[in-house]
Protein backbone atom coordinates (compact mmCIF):
# COMPACT_ATOMS: atom_id res chain seq x y z
CA UNK A 1 -91.46 174.94 -119.07
CA UNK A 2 -92.77 176.23 -122.40
CA UNK A 3 -95.86 174.01 -122.10
CA UNK A 4 -96.88 175.58 -118.77
CA UNK A 5 -99.25 178.52 -118.73
CA UNK A 6 -97.94 181.91 -117.68
CA UNK A 7 -100.02 181.68 -114.50
CA UNK A 8 -98.49 178.32 -113.52
CA UNK A 9 -94.98 179.61 -114.29
CA UNK A 10 -95.58 182.60 -112.05
CA UNK A 11 -96.82 180.30 -109.25
CA UNK A 12 -93.71 178.12 -109.60
CA UNK A 13 -91.36 181.12 -109.60
CA UNK A 14 -93.13 182.62 -106.60
CA UNK A 15 -93.06 179.33 -104.66
CA UNK A 16 -89.36 178.85 -105.35
CA UNK A 17 -88.59 182.46 -104.48
CA UNK A 18 -90.46 182.24 -101.18
CA UNK A 19 -88.68 178.98 -100.35
CA UNK A 20 -85.28 180.54 -101.02
CA UNK A 21 -86.10 183.54 -98.82
CA UNK A 22 -87.20 181.20 -96.01
CA UNK A 23 -83.92 179.28 -95.97
CA UNK A 24 -81.63 182.13 -97.06
CA UNK A 25 -79.73 182.38 -93.77
CA UNK A 26 -78.97 178.64 -93.79
CA UNK A 27 -77.46 178.63 -97.29
CA UNK A 28 -73.69 178.67 -97.78
CA UNK A 29 -72.39 182.14 -98.61
CA UNK A 30 -71.18 181.11 -102.08
CA UNK A 31 -74.66 179.82 -102.93
CA UNK A 32 -76.22 183.02 -101.59
CA UNK A 33 -73.91 185.05 -103.82
CA UNK A 34 -74.70 182.92 -106.88
CA UNK A 35 -78.46 183.14 -106.32
CA UNK A 36 -78.19 186.88 -105.74
CA UNK A 37 -76.27 187.44 -108.98
CA UNK A 38 -78.66 185.20 -110.95
CA UNK A 39 -81.63 187.15 -109.56
CA UNK A 40 -80.04 190.47 -110.56
CA UNK A 41 -79.26 189.17 -114.06
CA UNK A 42 -82.81 187.84 -114.47
CA UNK A 43 -84.32 191.25 -113.74
CA UNK A 44 -82.08 194.24 -114.20
CA UNK A 45 -79.06 195.74 -112.51
CA UNK A 46 -81.40 198.37 -111.02
CA UNK A 47 -82.81 195.77 -108.60
CA UNK A 48 -79.40 195.04 -107.04
CA UNK A 49 -79.70 197.51 -104.16
CA UNK A 50 -83.32 196.71 -103.29
CA UNK A 51 -82.62 192.98 -103.39
CA UNK A 52 -79.56 193.37 -101.19
CA UNK A 53 -81.50 195.36 -98.59
CA UNK A 54 -84.40 192.89 -98.65
CA UNK A 55 -82.13 189.86 -98.21
CA UNK A 56 -80.10 191.62 -95.55
CA UNK A 57 -83.29 192.00 -93.49
CA UNK A 58 -84.24 188.35 -94.10
CA UNK A 59 -80.84 187.01 -93.10
CA UNK A 60 -80.95 185.84 -89.47
CA UNK A 61 -77.37 186.80 -88.71
CA UNK A 62 -77.89 190.34 -89.98
CA UNK A 63 -81.51 190.89 -89.01
CA UNK A 64 -80.72 190.04 -85.37
CA UNK A 65 -78.01 192.69 -85.45
CA UNK A 66 -80.43 195.25 -86.84
CA UNK A 67 -82.98 194.44 -84.12
CA UNK A 68 -80.32 194.70 -81.44
CA UNK A 69 -79.28 198.14 -82.70
CA UNK A 70 -82.90 199.28 -82.58
CA UNK A 71 -83.24 198.33 -78.91
CA UNK A 72 -83.08 201.42 -76.76
CA UNK A 73 -80.42 201.42 -74.10
CA UNK A 74 -80.65 203.57 -71.00
CA UNK A 75 -78.28 206.48 -70.94
CA UNK A 76 -75.60 206.89 -68.33
CA UNK A 77 -77.74 209.34 -66.37
CA UNK A 78 -80.42 206.78 -65.65
CA UNK A 79 -82.91 208.31 -68.08
């Protein structure tokens, strides 16, 4: 990839990143873990928490749970 311009490299990285986020919830857990660790190593350990939170919200199995928790339920007094 050395022959590609910085702009093209950034477009490729962005396209691949967006594709991974789109299919994240369908990936096997071991692949998710490997991609996560590679992403952290490529940036800095400081991104670990933010990346985990972001992916947690993108993950269908976890984001549905978050949405369900946010749904208001009527209290026992009918209010």
